[in-house]
Amino acid sequence: MIPQKAEDLGRQIGQTEEYQALKRAQDRLQGAKELATQLRRLQELAEALDRAMERGETPSEADRTAYEQVLSQVQGDPVYQGMVVAQANFDKLMVRVNEHILDGIRKGVASPIITLS
């Protein structure tokens, strides 16, 4: 019973505007080849900075500047901005869903009657 209700909830979430907007944003992100290259470069730079700090070294000014430049380019990209907004809106939806689930759990715990249908 619970797996079926969870599946139904998943289907309903998949039909929400928030989820549909997230899927569209993900599709646009996959089609943005230059942005994908920048995101990979940003990840590489972040890992290099992390490795330097793990070794107890101060990352070089050149590495920090390169990271900041690529980060600025990525954050200014409209496709990336759309993805961030869509993800934030979907996250808000999921927070509300989880709050409702918790409310249901609390009510179920407080109820002396057990219903499984």
Protein backbone atom coordinates (compact mmCIF):
# COMPACT_ATOMS: atom_id res chain seq x y z
CA MET A 1 0.00 0.00 0.00
CA ILE A 2 2.69 2.53 0.94
CA PRO A 3 4.77 1.84 -2.20
CA GLN A 4 1.65 2.40 -4.34
CA LYS A 5 0.85 5.69 -2.59
CA ALA A 6 4.48 6.78 -2.94
CA GLU A 7 4.36 5.96 -6.64
CA ASP A 8 1.13 7.96 -6.99
CA LEU A 9 2.74 10.89 -5.18
CA GLY A 10 5.74 10.66 -7.49
CA ARG A 11 3.46 10.71 -10.52
CA GLN A 12 1.67 13.78 -9.19
CA ILE A 13 4.95 15.55 -8.44
CA GLY A 14 6.09 14.77 -11.98
CA GLN A 15 3.04 16.61 -13.30
CA THR A 16 3.67 19.80 -11.31
CA GLU A 17 4.78 22.99 -13.01
CA GLU A 18 7.87 23.04 -10.78
CA TYR A 19 9.02 19.63 -11.97
CA GLN A 20 8.21 20.38 -15.60
CA ALA A 21 10.20 23.64 -15.38
CA LEU A 22 13.11 21.75 -13.83
CA LYS A 23 13.09 19.19 -16.66
CA ARG A 24 13.04 21.97 -19.27
CA ALA A 25 15.94 23.71 -17.52
CA GLN A 26 17.89 20.42 -17.39
CA ASP A 27 17.27 19.89 -21.11
CA ARG A 28 18.51 23.42 -21.89
CA LEU A 29 21.56 22.82 -19.70
CA GLN A 30 22.38 19.60 -21.56
CA GLY A 31 22.15 21.47 -24.85
CA ALA A 32 24.48 24.27 -23.71
CA LYS A 33 27.84 22.79 -24.73
CA GLU A 34 29.91 25.88 -23.89
CA LEU A 35 28.33 26.08 -20.45
CA ALA A 36 29.05 22.38 -19.89
CA THR A 37 32.70 23.04 -20.72
CA GLN A 38 32.77 25.95 -18.28
CA LEU A 39 31.15 23.84 -15.55
CA ARG A 40 33.76 21.10 -16.04
CA ARG A 41 36.54 23.71 -15.91
CA LEU A 42 35.01 25.19 -12.75
CA GLN A 43 34.96 21.73 -11.14
CA GLU A 44 38.60 21.13 -12.11
CA LEU A 45 39.66 24.47 -10.67
CA ALA A 46 37.70 23.86 -7.46
CA GLU A 47 39.37 20.47 -7.05
CA ALA A 48 42.81 22.00 -7.63
CA LEU A 49 42.12 24.66 -4.99
CA ASP A 50 40.90 21.98 -2.56
CA ARG A 51 43.98 19.83 -3.14
CA ALA A 52 46.28 22.78 -2.47
CA MET A 53 44.48 23.59 0.77
CA GLU A 54 44.54 19.92 1.85
CA ARG A 55 48.32 19.99 1.44
CA GLY A 56 48.40 23.07 3.67
CA GLU A 57 49.33 25.34 0.77
CA THR A 58 47.79 28.63 -0.18
CA PRO A 59 46.32 28.34 -3.68
CA SER A 60 48.10 30.50 -6.21
CA GLU A 61 46.68 33.87 -7.16
CA ALA A 62 46.41 32.65 -10.76
CA ASP A 63 44.32 29.64 -9.72
CA ARG A 64 42.06 31.76 -7.51
CA THR A 65 41.61 34.34 -10.26
CA ALA A 66 40.87 31.67 -12.87
CA TYR A 67 38.28 30.10 -10.55
CA GLU A 68 36.60 33.45 -9.89
CA GLN A 69 36.51 34.30 -13.60
CA VAL A 70 34.97 31.00 -14.63
CA LEU A 71 32.52 31.15 -11.71
CA SER A 72 31.46 34.63 -12.78
CA GLN A 73 30.94 33.47 -16.36
CA VAL A 74 28.90 30.46 -15.26
CA GLN A 75 26.75 32.46 -12.85
CA GLY A 76 26.05 35.06 -15.54
CA ASP A 77 24.85 32.50 -18.07
CA PRO A 78 21.06 32.67 -18.55
CA VAL A 79 20.80 28.89 -18.97
CA TYR A 80 22.60 28.37 -15.66
CA GLN A 81 20.46 31.02 -13.97
CA GLY A 82 17.33 29.30 -15.26
CA MET A 83 18.54 25.99 -13.87
CA VAL A 84 19.25 27.52 -10.46
CA VAL A 85 15.79 29.11 -10.30
CA ALA A 86 14.04 25.94 -11.46
CA GLN A 87 15.97 23.82 -8.95
CA ALA A 88 15.16 26.26 -6.12
CA ASN A 89 11.46 26.22 -6.98
CA PHE A 90 11.40 22.43 -7.13
CA ASP A 91 13.25 22.23 -3.81
CA LYS A 92 10.61 24.49 -2.26
CA LEU A 93 7.89 22.18 -3.57
CA MET A 94 9.64 19.16 -2.07
CA VAL A 95 10.00 20.92 1.29
CA ARG A 96 6.24 21.51 1.28
CA VAL A 97 5.61 17.87 0.32
CA ASN A 98 7.85 16.66 3.13
CA GLU A 99 6.08 18.96 5.60
CA HIS A 100 2.74 17.45 4.60
CA ILE A 101 4.16 13.94 4.97
CA LEU A 102 5.44 14.80 8.45
CA ASP A 103 2.03 16.24 9.35
CA GLY A 104 0.46 12.98 8.21
CA ILE A 105 2.92 10.98 10.28
CA ARG A 106 2.18 13.07 13.37
CA LYS A 107 -1.56 12.65 12.85
CA GLY A 108 -1.10 8.92 12.30
CA VAL A 109 0.87 8.54 15.50
CA ALA A 110 -1.76 10.48 17.44
CA SER A 111 -4.66 8.50 15.98
CA PRO A 112 -5.83 5.47 17.94
CA ILE A 113 -7.39 4.01 14.78
CA ILE A 114 -5.17 2.18 12.31
CA THR A 115 -6.15 2.48 8.66
CA LEU A 116 -4.24 0.80 5.88
CA SER A 117 -6.38 1.76 2.93
